[in-house]
Amino acid sequence: MEKLEAVPARQGRALRLSRGQRLKLVNSHGTQVLDFWAYNAADPREFLSMEHLRVSLGRIRPRRGDFLVTNRRRPILYFEEDSSPGVHDTLIAACDCYRYAALGCRDYHDNCTDNHYAALRAIGVEASECPAPLNLWMNVGIAADGSLSFEAPVAAAGDYVVLRAELDCLIALSACPQDLLPVNGRDCEPKEVHFAIC
């Protein structure tokens, strides 16, 4: 059995993943969104890109059996397992201080963009930008008229995904701090998620 480590609620973590290693990400409570980034460890200017991924897949949601591609249109990860209903998001940018200001926050609010930078800095990496993340378990509704809505995740407690590295990777994770919209469940209460390298 793999040893699970926590990404605490509202915080970020980063790690290095060698080619061929698998990363298991566990939605411990079922309600928590995890912002996910991957960079080519040999050249962080190459990274998992949502714009390129949607073109590569021909759809907006990745699923088991898909290769996840970079801004150079190369596979960086393979989506090996998904025990959840498969509702993940590739459209929404990481939350940041500007997003929370637009939602009415007057003081600092924890956010995924700052978590991304801080997590990478903790493993000795200075990122020059924050690409759009793969938002695991985020449930963004798309109406017939093209409008978007932010819904509660449909995952169950303990649901997980497994991603296999196709390149040596730098990985950043953020347990999304959103507590003003039901992104992290109807109680709007961010919670921890867990991960293991296997």
N, C-alpha and C. Protein backbone atom coordinates (compact mmCIF):
# COMPACT_ATOMS: atom_id res chain seq x y z
N MET A 1 0.85 -1.19 0.00
CA MET A 1 0.00 0.00 0.00
C MET A 1 0.89 1.25 0.00
N GLU A 2 0.55 2.21 -0.88
CA GLU A 2 1.37 3.42 -0.96
C GLU A 2 1.13 4.33 0.24
N LYS A 3 2.16 5.08 0.58
CA LYS A 3 2.05 6.04 1.67
C LYS A 3 1.52 7.35 1.11
N LEU A 4 0.38 7.80 1.63
CA LEU A 4 -0.24 9.02 1.16
C LEU A 4 0.29 10.23 1.94
N GLU A 5 0.54 11.31 1.21
CA GLU A 5 0.92 12.57 1.81
C GLU A 5 -0.19 13.58 1.55
N ALA A 6 -0.28 14.57 2.43
CA ALA A 6 -1.38 15.54 2.34
C ALA A 6 -0.95 16.81 1.62
N VAL A 7 -1.89 17.36 0.87
CA VAL A 7 -1.85 18.77 0.46
C VAL A 7 -2.89 19.43 1.36
N PRO A 8 -2.47 20.17 2.37
CA PRO A 8 -3.44 20.72 3.31
C PRO A 8 -4.43 21.66 2.63
N ALA A 9 -5.60 21.77 3.22
CA ALA A 9 -6.61 22.69 2.71
C ALA A 9 -6.02 24.07 2.50
N ARG A 10 -6.30 24.67 1.34
CA ARG A 10 -5.92 26.04 1.02
C ARG A 10 -4.43 26.21 0.72
N GLN A 11 -3.67 25.10 0.66
CA GLN A 11 -2.23 25.19 0.47
C GLN A 11 -1.78 24.45 -0.79
N GLY A 12 -0.50 24.58 -1.10
CA GLY A 12 0.08 23.92 -2.25
C GLY A 12 1.26 23.04 -1.87
N ARG A 13 1.62 22.14 -2.77
CA ARG A 13 2.79 21.28 -2.63
C ARG A 13 3.38 21.08 -4.01
N ALA A 14 4.67 20.81 -4.07
CA ALA A 14 5.32 20.50 -5.34
C ALA A 14 6.23 19.30 -5.15
N LEU A 15 6.51 18.61 -6.23
CA LEU A 15 7.33 17.40 -6.17
C LEU A 15 7.96 17.16 -7.53
N ARG A 16 8.93 16.27 -7.54
CA ARG A 16 9.57 15.85 -8.77
C ARG A 16 9.12 14.42 -9.08
N LEU A 17 8.83 14.19 -10.34
CA LEU A 17 8.32 12.90 -10.79
C LEU A 17 9.19 12.45 -11.96
N SER A 18 9.81 11.28 -11.83
CA SER A 18 10.65 10.76 -12.90
C SER A 18 9.82 10.06 -13.96
N ARG A 19 10.31 10.06 -15.17
CA ARG A 19 9.63 9.38 -16.26
C ARG A 19 9.32 7.94 -15.86
N GLY A 20 8.08 7.53 -16.07
CA GLY A 20 7.65 6.18 -15.72
C GLY A 20 7.02 6.08 -14.35
N GLN A 21 7.28 7.05 -13.47
CA GLN A 21 6.63 7.03 -12.16
C GLN A 21 5.17 7.43 -12.30
N ARG A 22 4.37 6.96 -11.35
CA ARG A 22 2.95 7.27 -11.32
C ARG A 22 2.64 8.14 -10.11
N LEU A 23 1.73 9.06 -10.31
CA LEU A 23 1.28 9.94 -9.24
C LEU A 23 -0.20 9.67 -9.01
N LYS A 24 -0.51 9.21 -7.80
CA LYS A 24 -1.91 8.98 -7.41
C LYS A 24 -2.39 10.19 -6.64
N LEU A 25 -3.52 10.76 -7.05
CA LEU A 25 -4.11 11.93 -6.42
C LEU A 25 -5.48 11.53 -5.90
N VAL A 26 -5.70 11.73 -4.61
CA VAL A 26 -6.90 11.22 -3.95
C VAL A 26 -7.76 12.37 -3.45
N ASN A 27 -9.02 12.38 -3.89
CA ASN A 27 -10.01 13.34 -3.39
C ASN A 27 -10.60 12.76 -2.11
N SER A 28 -9.90 12.99 -1.02
CA SER A 28 -10.19 12.30 0.24
C SER A 28 -11.62 12.51 0.73
N HIS A 29 -12.17 13.70 0.48
CA HIS A 29 -13.53 14.01 0.94
C HIS A 29 -14.55 14.01 -0.20
N GLY A 30 -14.07 13.96 -1.43
CA GLY A 30 -14.96 13.96 -2.58
C GLY A 30 -15.37 15.32 -3.07
N THR A 31 -15.16 16.34 -2.25
CA THR A 31 -15.67 17.68 -2.58
C THR A 31 -14.58 18.67 -2.97
N GLN A 32 -13.33 18.25 -2.92
CA GLN A 32 -12.23 19.20 -3.06
C GLN A 32 -11.64 19.21 -4.47
N VAL A 33 -11.50 20.39 -5.03
CA VAL A 33 -10.84 20.58 -6.32
C VAL A 33 -9.33 20.70 -6.09
N LEU A 34 -8.57 20.09 -7.00
CA LEU A 34 -7.13 20.15 -6.95
C LEU A 34 -6.62 20.78 -8.25
N ASP A 35 -6.00 21.96 -8.14
CA ASP A 35 -5.34 22.57 -9.30
C ASP A 35 -4.02 21.85 -9.51
N PHE A 36 -3.73 21.49 -10.78
CA PHE A 36 -2.59 20.63 -11.09
C PHE A 36 -1.79 21.22 -12.23
N TRP A 37 -0.47 21.29 -12.06
CA TRP A 37 0.44 21.76 -13.10
C TRP A 37 1.57 20.75 -13.27
N ALA A 38 2.09 20.64 -14.48
CA ALA A 38 3.26 19.81 -14.74
C ALA A 38 4.19 20.54 -15.70
N TYR A 39 5.48 20.50 -15.39
CA TYR A 39 6.52 21.11 -16.21
C TYR A 39 7.54 20.05 -16.60
N ASN A 40 8.15 20.21 -17.75
CA ASN A 40 9.28 19.40 -18.15
C ASN A 40 10.45 19.78 -17.24
N ALA A 41 10.95 18.83 -16.46
CA ALA A 41 12.01 19.13 -15.50
C ALA A 41 13.28 19.61 -16.20
N ALA A 42 13.51 19.16 -17.43
CA ALA A 42 14.72 19.54 -18.17
C ALA A 42 14.61 20.95 -18.75
N ASP A 43 13.39 21.43 -18.94
CA ASP A 43 13.16 22.75 -19.52
C ASP A 43 11.76 23.22 -19.12
N PRO A 44 11.64 23.93 -17.99
CA PRO A 44 10.32 24.33 -17.49
C PRO A 44 9.56 25.28 -18.41
N ARG A 45 10.18 25.73 -19.49
CA ARG A 45 9.43 26.52 -20.47
C ARG A 45 8.43 25.64 -21.22
N GLU A 46 8.59 24.32 -21.08
CA GLU A 46 7.61 23.37 -21.63
C GLU A 46 6.75 22.86 -20.48
N PHE A 47 5.44 22.98 -20.64
CA PHE A 47 4.54 22.65 -19.54
C PHE A 47 3.21 22.11 -20.07
N LEU A 48 2.51 21.41 -19.20
CA LEU A 48 1.17 20.93 -19.51
C LEU A 48 0.30 22.14 -19.85
N SER A 49 -0.30 22.11 -21.04
CA SER A 49 -1.04 23.27 -21.55
C SER A 49 -2.48 22.89 -21.85
N MET A 50 -3.40 23.59 -21.21
CA MET A 50 -4.82 23.31 -21.42
C MET A 50 -5.25 23.65 -22.85
N GLU A 51 -4.73 24.75 -23.41
CA GLU A 51 -5.10 25.13 -24.78
C GLU A 51 -4.71 24.03 -25.78
N HIS A 52 -3.50 23.53 -25.63
CA HIS A 52 -3.00 22.50 -26.54
C HIS A 52 -3.67 21.15 -26.26
N LEU A 53 -3.98 20.90 -24.99
CA LEU A 53 -4.64 19.65 -24.63
C LEU A 53 -6.03 19.55 -25.26
N ARG A 54 -6.81 20.62 -25.19
CA ARG A 54 -8.16 20.56 -25.76
C ARG A 54 -8.12 20.29 -27.26
N VAL A 55 -7.16 20.87 -27.95
CA VAL A 55 -7.01 20.61 -29.39
C VAL A 55 -6.61 19.16 -29.62
N SER A 56 -5.65 18.68 -28.83
CA SER A 56 -5.16 17.31 -28.98
C SER A 56 -6.28 16.28 -28.75
N LEU A 57 -7.11 16.52 -27.74
CA LEU A 57 -8.17 15.57 -27.39
C LEU A 57 -9.42 15.75 -28.24
N GLY A 58 -9.66 16.97 -28.72
CA GLY A 58 -10.90 17.26 -29.42
C GLY A 58 -12.09 17.35 -28.50
N ARG A 59 -11.82 17.60 -27.21
CA ARG A 59 -12.88 17.76 -26.20
C ARG A 59 -12.32 18.54 -25.04
N ILE A 60 -13.18 18.92 -24.11
CA ILE A 60 -12.74 19.77 -23.01
C ILE A 60 -12.41 19.02 -21.74
N ARG A 61 -12.68 17.71 -21.68
CA ARG A 61 -12.38 16.94 -20.47
C ARG A 61 -11.47 15.77 -20.81
N PRO A 62 -10.33 15.67 -20.14
CA PRO A 62 -9.49 14.49 -20.33
C PRO A 62 -10.10 13.30 -19.61
N ARG A 63 -9.74 12.12 -20.05
CA ARG A 63 -10.23 10.90 -19.39
C ARG A 63 -9.19 9.80 -19.47
N ARG A 64 -9.48 8.75 -18.76
CA ARG A 64 -8.58 7.60 -18.72
C ARG A 64 -8.20 7.17 -20.15
N GLY A 65 -6.91 6.93 -20.35
CA GLY A 65 -6.42 6.54 -21.66
C GLY A 65 -5.89 7.67 -22.50
N ASP A 66 -6.00 8.91 -22.00
CA ASP A 66 -5.53 10.07 -22.76
C ASP A 66 -4.08 10.40 -22.41
N PHE A 67 -3.35 10.88 -23.42
CA PHE A 67 -2.06 11.52 -23.17
C PHE A 67 -2.32 13.01 -22.97
N LEU A 68 -1.71 13.56 -21.94
CA LEU A 68 -1.83 14.99 -21.64
C LEU A 68 -0.61 15.68 -22.21
N VAL A 69 -0.82 16.71 -23.02
CA VAL A 69 0.27 17.28 -23.81
C VAL A 69 0.71 18.66 -23.34
N THR A 70 1.91 19.02 -23.79
CA THR A 70 2.52 20.29 -23.41
C THR A 70 2.24 21.37 -24.45
N ASN A 71 2.77 22.55 -24.17
CA ASN A 71 2.69 23.65 -25.13
C ASN A 71 3.56 23.40 -26.36
N ARG A 72 4.33 22.31 -26.35
CA ARG A 72 5.06 21.86 -27.54
C ARG A 72 4.40 20.62 -28.15
N ARG A 73 3.18 20.34 -27.70
CA ARG A 73 2.32 19.28 -28.24
C ARG A 73 2.93 17.88 -28.08
N ARG A 74 3.69 17.70 -26.99
CA ARG A 74 4.27 16.40 -26.67
C ARG A 74 3.61 15.85 -25.42
N PRO A 75 3.45 14.52 -25.34
CA PRO A 75 2.92 13.95 -24.10
C PRO A 75 3.85 14.20 -22.92
N ILE A 76 3.27 14.67 -21.83
CA ILE A 76 4.03 14.82 -20.59
C ILE A 76 3.50 13.87 -19.52
N LEU A 77 2.22 13.50 -19.61
CA LEU A 77 1.60 12.58 -18.67
C LEU A 77 0.61 11.69 -19.41
N TYR A 78 0.38 10.51 -18.84
CA TYR A 78 -0.64 9.60 -19.35
C TYR A 78 -1.69 9.42 -18.27
N PHE A 79 -2.95 9.61 -18.63
CA PHE A 79 -4.06 9.52 -17.68
C PHE A 79 -4.42 8.04 -17.54
N GLU A 80 -3.83 7.40 -16.54
CA GLU A 80 -3.89 5.94 -16.43
C GLU A 80 -5.15 5.42 -15.73
N GLU A 81 -5.59 6.10 -14.68
CA GLU A 81 -6.76 5.63 -13.93
C GLU A 81 -7.61 6.81 -13.49
N ASP A 82 -8.91 6.56 -13.35
CA ASP A 82 -9.83 7.56 -12.81
C ASP A 82 -11.02 6.83 -12.22
N SER A 83 -11.12 6.84 -10.89
CA SER A 83 -12.24 6.15 -10.24
C SER A 83 -13.45 7.05 -10.07
N SER A 84 -13.30 8.34 -10.41
CA SER A 84 -14.40 9.29 -10.27
C SER A 84 -15.28 9.28 -11.51
N PRO A 85 -16.39 10.04 -11.51
CA PRO A 85 -17.21 10.14 -12.73
C PRO A 85 -16.51 10.84 -13.90
N GLY A 86 -15.31 11.36 -13.69
CA GLY A 86 -14.55 11.93 -14.80
C GLY A 86 -14.84 13.39 -15.09
N VAL A 87 -15.42 14.10 -14.13
CA VAL A 87 -15.72 15.52 -14.33
C VAL A 87 -14.53 16.34 -13.85
N HIS A 88 -13.74 16.82 -14.81
CA HIS A 88 -12.56 17.65 -14.55
C HIS A 88 -12.64 18.86 -15.48
N ASP A 89 -11.91 19.91 -15.15
CA ASP A 89 -12.02 21.16 -15.91
C ASP A 89 -10.69 21.55 -16.56
N THR A 90 -10.78 22.02 -17.81
CA THR A 90 -9.61 22.56 -18.52
C THR A 90 -9.81 24.01 -18.95
N LEU A 91 -10.89 24.65 -18.51
CA LEU A 91 -11.24 25.98 -18.99
C LEU A 91 -10.83 27.12 -18.06
N ILE A 92 -10.86 26.87 -16.76
CA ILE A 92 -10.81 27.96 -15.78
C ILE A 92 -9.38 28.21 -15.29
N ALA A 93 -8.97 29.47 -15.34
CA ALA A 93 -7.65 29.86 -14.83
C ALA A 93 -7.58 29.67 -13.33
N ALA A 94 -6.37 29.52 -12.81
CA ALA A 94 -6.18 29.42 -11.37
C ALA A 94 -6.68 30.69 -10.69
N CYS A 95 -7.33 30.53 -9.55
CA CYS A 95 -7.76 31.71 -8.80
C CYS A 95 -6.54 32.51 -8.36
N ASP A 96 -6.73 33.81 -8.21
CA ASP A 96 -5.65 34.71 -7.81
C ASP A 96 -6.25 35.88 -7.04
N CYS A 97 -5.39 36.80 -6.61
CA CYS A 97 -5.88 37.92 -5.81
C CYS A 97 -6.86 38.79 -6.59
N TYR A 98 -6.70 38.86 -7.90
CA TYR A 98 -7.61 39.67 -8.73
C TYR A 98 -8.99 39.03 -8.81
N ARG A 99 -9.02 37.69 -8.88
CA ARG A 99 -10.30 36.98 -8.89
C ARG A 99 -11.06 37.23 -7.60
N TYR A 100 -10.35 37.14 -6.47
CA TYR A 100 -11.03 37.34 -5.19
C TYR A 100 -11.45 38.79 -4.99
N ALA A 101 -10.67 39.73 -5.51
CA ALA A 101 -11.09 41.14 -5.45
C ALA A 101 -12.37 41.33 -6.25
N ALA A 102 -12.47 40.68 -7.41
CA ALA A 102 -13.69 40.77 -8.22
C ALA A 102 -14.89 40.15 -7.51
N LEU A 103 -14.61 39.18 -6.62
CA LEU A 103 -15.69 38.54 -5.85
C LEU A 103 -16.00 39.29 -4.56
N GLY A 104 -15.32 40.43 -4.35
CA GLY A 104 -15.66 41.28 -3.20
C GLY A 104 -14.70 41.23 -2.04
N CYS A 105 -13.60 40.46 -2.12
CA CYS A 105 -12.65 40.39 -1.01
C CYS A 105 -11.85 41.69 -0.93
N ARG A 106 -11.76 42.21 0.25
CA ARG A 106 -10.97 43.43 0.45
C ARG A 106 -9.60 43.11 1.03
N ASP A 107 -9.47 41.98 1.67
CA ASP A 107 -8.21 41.57 2.27
C ASP A 107 -7.63 40.40 1.47
N TYR A 108 -6.41 40.03 1.79
CA TYR A 108 -5.77 38.92 1.09
C TYR A 108 -6.58 37.63 1.26
N HIS A 109 -6.67 36.87 0.20
CA HIS A 109 -7.33 35.56 0.23
C HIS A 109 -6.36 34.54 -0.34
N ASP A 110 -6.18 33.43 0.36
CA ASP A 110 -5.36 32.34 -0.19
C ASP A 110 -5.83 32.04 -1.61
N ASN A 111 -4.90 31.69 -2.50
CA ASN A 111 -5.30 31.42 -3.88
C ASN A 111 -4.33 30.46 -4.55
N CYS A 112 -4.81 29.82 -5.60
CA CYS A 112 -4.04 28.76 -6.26
C CYS A 112 -2.81 29.30 -6.99
N THR A 113 -2.89 30.50 -7.52
CA THR A 113 -1.73 31.07 -8.20
C THR A 113 -0.57 31.25 -7.23
N ASP A 114 -0.83 31.84 -6.07
CA ASP A 114 0.23 32.02 -5.08
C ASP A 114 0.70 30.67 -4.55
N ASN A 115 -0.22 29.72 -4.38
CA ASN A 115 0.17 28.37 -3.94
C ASN A 115 1.11 27.71 -4.94
N HIS A 116 0.82 27.89 -6.23
CA HIS A 116 1.65 27.33 -7.30
C HIS A 116 3.08 27.86 -7.19
N TYR A 117 3.22 29.19 -7.09
CA TYR A 117 4.56 29.79 -7.02
C TYR A 117 5.28 29.36 -5.74
N ALA A 118 4.60 29.39 -4.62
CA ALA A 118 5.23 29.05 -3.34
C ALA A 118 5.65 27.58 -3.30
N ALA A 119 4.82 26.69 -3.84
CA ALA A 119 5.13 25.27 -3.82
C ALA A 119 6.38 24.98 -4.65
N LEU A 120 6.45 25.56 -5.84
CA LEU A 120 7.63 25.36 -6.68
C LEU A 120 8.87 25.98 -6.05
N ARG A 121 8.71 27.14 -5.45
CA ARG A 121 9.85 27.78 -4.78
C ARG A 121 10.40 26.88 -3.67
N ALA A 122 9.51 26.16 -3.00
CA ALA A 122 9.93 25.28 -1.89
C ALA A 122 10.81 24.13 -2.36
N ILE A 123 10.73 23.77 -3.66
CA ILE A 123 11.63 22.74 -4.18
C ILE A 123 12.72 23.35 -5.07
N GLY A 124 12.93 24.65 -4.93
CA GLY A 124 14.03 25.30 -5.61
C GLY A 124 13.77 25.75 -7.02
N VAL A 125 12.50 25.92 -7.39
CA VAL A 125 12.15 26.30 -8.76
C VAL A 125 11.45 27.65 -8.74
N GLU A 126 11.94 28.60 -9.54
CA GLU A 126 11.29 29.89 -9.69
C GLU A 126 10.53 29.88 -11.02
N ALA A 127 9.21 29.81 -10.96
CA ALA A 127 8.39 29.81 -12.17
C ALA A 127 8.21 31.23 -12.68
N SER A 128 8.26 31.39 -13.99
CA SER A 128 8.11 32.72 -14.58
C SER A 128 6.66 33.07 -14.88
N GLU A 129 5.79 32.05 -14.88
CA GLU A 129 4.37 32.30 -15.13
C GLU A 129 3.56 31.19 -14.48
N CYS A 130 2.25 31.39 -14.44
CA CYS A 130 1.34 30.38 -13.90
C CYS A 130 0.39 29.99 -15.02
N PRO A 131 0.68 28.88 -15.72
CA PRO A 131 -0.22 28.46 -16.79
C PRO A 131 -1.59 28.07 -16.24
N ALA A 132 -2.57 27.98 -17.12
CA ALA A 132 -3.88 27.47 -16.70
C ALA A 132 -3.70 26.04 -16.21
N PRO A 133 -4.27 25.71 -15.06
CA PRO A 133 -4.10 24.36 -14.51
C PRO A 133 -5.13 23.38 -15.06
N LEU A 134 -4.85 22.11 -14.89
CA LEU A 134 -5.86 21.07 -15.00
C LEU A 134 -6.55 21.04 -13.65
N ASN A 135 -7.83 21.37 -13.62
CA ASN A 135 -8.59 21.45 -12.37
C ASN A 135 -9.29 20.11 -12.13
N LEU A 136 -8.60 19.23 -11.40
CA LEU A 136 -9.15 17.91 -11.16
C LEU A 136 -10.38 18.01 -10.26
N TRP A 137 -11.43 17.33 -10.69
CA TRP A 137 -12.73 17.24 -10.00
C TRP A 137 -13.53 18.54 -10.00
N MET A 138 -13.06 19.56 -10.70
CA MET A 138 -13.84 20.81 -10.77
C MET A 138 -15.00 20.63 -11.74
N ASN A 139 -16.19 21.03 -11.31
CA ASN A 139 -17.42 20.82 -12.06
C ASN A 139 -17.92 22.17 -12.60
N VAL A 140 -17.54 22.45 -13.84
CA VAL A 140 -17.97 23.68 -14.49
C VAL A 140 -19.09 23.33 -15.47
N GLY A 141 -20.25 23.86 -15.20
CA GLY A 141 -21.39 23.62 -16.09
C GLY A 141 -21.33 24.53 -17.30
N ILE A 142 -21.69 23.98 -18.46
CA ILE A 142 -21.73 24.76 -19.70
C ILE A 142 -23.14 24.66 -20.27
N ALA A 143 -23.85 25.78 -20.29
CA ALA A 143 -25.23 25.81 -20.78
C ALA A 143 -25.26 25.85 -22.31
N ALA A 144 -26.45 25.63 -22.86
CA ALA A 144 -26.61 25.63 -24.32
C ALA A 144 -26.22 26.96 -24.94
N ASP A 145 -26.36 28.05 -24.19
CA ASP A 145 -26.01 29.37 -24.72
C ASP A 145 -24.53 29.69 -24.51
N GLY A 146 -23.77 28.73 -23.97
CA GLY A 146 -22.34 28.93 -23.77
C GLY A 146 -21.96 29.50 -22.43
N SER A 147 -22.93 29.84 -21.60
CA SER A 147 -22.62 30.42 -20.29
C SER A 147 -22.10 29.33 -19.34
N LEU A 148 -21.29 29.76 -18.39
CA LEU A 148 -20.66 28.86 -17.44
C LEU A 148 -21.28 28.99 -16.06
N SER A 149 -21.25 27.90 -15.30
CA SER A 149 -21.66 27.93 -13.90
C SER A 149 -20.68 27.10 -13.09
N PHE A 150 -20.54 27.47 -11.84
CA PHE A 150 -19.62 26.77 -10.94
C PHE A 150 -20.44 25.89 -10.00
N GLU A 151 -20.30 24.59 -10.18
CA GLU A 151 -21.10 23.62 -9.45
C GLU A 151 -20.24 22.83 -8.46
N ALA A 152 -20.89 22.16 -7.53
CA ALA A 152 -20.17 21.30 -6.59
C ALA A 152 -19.61 20.08 -7.31
N PRO A 153 -18.44 19.59 -6.90
CA PRO A 153 -17.90 18.37 -7.51
C PRO A 153 -18.85 17.19 -7.37
N VAL A 154 -18.74 16.25 -8.31
CA VAL A 154 -19.59 15.05 -8.27
C VAL A 154 -18.78 13.82 -7.88
N ALA A 155 -17.54 14.00 -7.47
CA ALA A 155 -16.70 12.89 -7.01
C ALA A 155 -17.18 12.41 -5.66
N ALA A 156 -16.82 11.18 -5.32
CA ALA A 156 -17.11 10.60 -4.01
C ALA A 156 -15.84 10.60 -3.17
N ALA A 157 -16.00 10.57 -1.86
CA ALA A 157 -14.84 10.50 -0.97
C ALA A 157 -13.99 9.29 -1.33
N GLY A 158 -12.70 9.53 -1.50
CA GLY A 158 -11.77 8.46 -1.85
C GLY A 158 -11.54 8.27 -3.33
N ASP A 159 -12.30 8.97 -4.17
CA ASP A 159 -12.05 8.88 -5.62
C ASP A 159 -10.62 9.37 -5.92
N TYR A 160 -10.03 8.78 -6.94
CA TYR A 160 -8.64 9.11 -7.25
C TYR A 160 -8.39 9.06 -8.74
N VAL A 161 -7.31 9.70 -9.14
CA VAL A 161 -6.77 9.56 -10.49
C VAL A 161 -5.31 9.14 -10.36
N VAL A 162 -4.82 8.45 -11.39
CA VAL A 162 -3.41 8.09 -11.47
C VAL A 162 -2.87 8.61 -12.79
N LEU A 163 -1.79 9.38 -12.71
CA LEU A 163 -1.13 9.93 -13.88
C LEU A 163 0.28 9.37 -13.95
N ARG A 164 0.68 8.92 -15.13
CA ARG A 164 2.03 8.37 -15.34
C ARG A 164 2.88 9.39 -16.09
N ALA A 165 4.09 9.64 -15.59
CA ALA A 165 4.97 10.63 -16.21
C ALA A 165 5.57 10.08 -17.49
N GLU A 166 5.43 10.84 -18.56
CA GLU A 166 6.05 10.51 -19.84
C GLU A 166 7.39 11.23 -20.01
N LEU A 167 7.63 12.24 -19.18
CA LEU A 167 8.90 12.96 -19.11
C LEU A 167 9.24 13.12 -17.64
N ASP A 168 10.50 13.42 -17.32
CA ASP A 168 10.81 13.84 -15.96
C ASP A 168 10.07 15.15 -15.72
N CYS A 169 9.32 15.23 -14.63
CA CYS A 169 8.40 16.35 -14.41
C CYS A 169 8.64 17.07 -13.10
N LEU A 170 8.30 18.34 -13.11
CA LEU A 170 8.07 19.11 -11.90
C LEU A 170 6.55 19.25 -11.78
N ILE A 171 6.01 18.88 -10.65
CA ILE A 171 4.56 18.89 -10.44
C ILE A 171 4.23 19.89 -9.34
N ALA A 172 3.22 20.72 -9.57
CA ALA A 172 2.69 21.61 -8.54
C ALA A 172 1.22 21.29 -8.32
N LEU A 173 0.82 21.29 -7.05
CA LEU A 173 -0.55 20.97 -6.65
C LEU A 173 -1.07 22.07 -5.73
N SER A 174 -2.35 22.40 -5.86
CA SER A 174 -2.97 23.34 -4.93
C SER A 174 -4.36 22.84 -4.56
N ALA A 175 -4.58 22.65 -3.26
CA ALA A 175 -5.92 22.34 -2.76
C ALA A 175 -6.69 23.66 -2.77
N CYS A 176 -7.52 23.83 -3.77
CA CYS A 176 -8.15 25.12 -4.07
C CYS A 176 -8.79 25.76 -2.84
N PRO A 177 -8.46 27.04 -2.55
CA PRO A 177 -9.01 27.72 -1.38
C PRO A 177 -10.39 28.37 -1.59
N GLN A 178 -11.00 28.14 -2.75
CA GLN A 178 -12.26 28.84 -3.04
C GLN A 178 -13.33 28.52 -1.99
N ASP A 179 -13.82 29.57 -1.33
CA ASP A 179 -14.84 29.39 -0.29
C ASP A 179 -16.00 30.37 -0.45
N LEU A 180 -16.06 31.01 -1.61
CA LEU A 180 -17.14 31.97 -1.88
C LEU A 180 -18.16 31.42 -2.88
N LEU A 181 -17.77 30.40 -3.61
CA LEU A 181 -18.63 29.70 -4.58
C LEU A 181 -18.57 28.21 -4.24
N PRO A 182 -19.54 27.40 -4.67
CA PRO A 182 -19.56 25.98 -4.29
C PRO A 182 -18.59 25.10 -5.08
N VAL A 183 -17.46 25.68 -5.49
CA VAL A 183 -16.45 24.94 -6.24
C VAL A 183 -15.96 23.74 -5.43
N ASN A 184 -15.80 23.92 -4.11
CA ASN A 184 -15.33 22.85 -3.23
C ASN A 184 -16.47 22.30 -2.35
N GLY A 185 -17.61 22.09 -2.98
CA GLY A 185 -18.75 21.53 -2.26
C GLY A 185 -19.73 22.60 -1.82
N ARG A 186 -20.93 22.15 -1.54
CA ARG A 186 -22.00 23.09 -1.19
C ARG A 186 -21.74 23.81 0.13
N ASP A 187 -20.91 23.20 0.99
CA ASP A 187 -20.59 23.88 2.26
C ASP A 187 -19.51 24.95 2.09
N CYS A 188 -18.94 25.05 0.87
CA CYS A 188 -17.91 26.06 0.58
C CYS A 188 -16.76 25.99 1.59
N GLU A 189 -16.36 24.77 1.93
CA GLU A 189 -15.32 24.56 2.93
C GLU A 189 -14.16 23.78 2.31
N PRO A 190 -13.07 24.46 1.95
CA PRO A 190 -11.92 23.74 1.39
C PRO A 190 -11.37 22.69 2.35
N LYS A 191 -10.89 21.59 1.79
CA LYS A 191 -10.38 20.47 2.56
C LYS A 191 -9.08 19.95 1.96
N GLU A 192 -8.38 19.11 2.69
CA GLU A 192 -7.12 18.57 2.18
C GLU A 192 -7.38 17.49 1.14
N VAL A 193 -6.39 17.27 0.30
CA VAL A 193 -6.35 16.12 -0.61
C VAL A 193 -5.06 15.36 -0.32
N HIS A 194 -4.94 14.19 -0.92
CA HIS A 194 -3.76 13.36 -0.65
C HIS A 194 -3.14 12.87 -1.94
N PHE A 195 -1.85 12.55 -1.88
CA PHE A 195 -1.16 12.07 -3.07
C PHE A 195 -0.10 11.04 -2.67
N ALA A 196 0.31 10.24 -3.64
CA ALA A 196 1.39 9.29 -3.44
C ALA A 196 2.10 9.08 -4.76
N ILE A 197 3.41 8.95 -4.72
CA ILE A 197 4.17 8.53 -5.88
C ILE A 197 4.27 7.02 -5.83
N CYS A 198 3.89 6.37 -6.91
CA CYS A 198 3.86 4.91 -6.89
C CYS A 198 4.43 4.33 -8.20
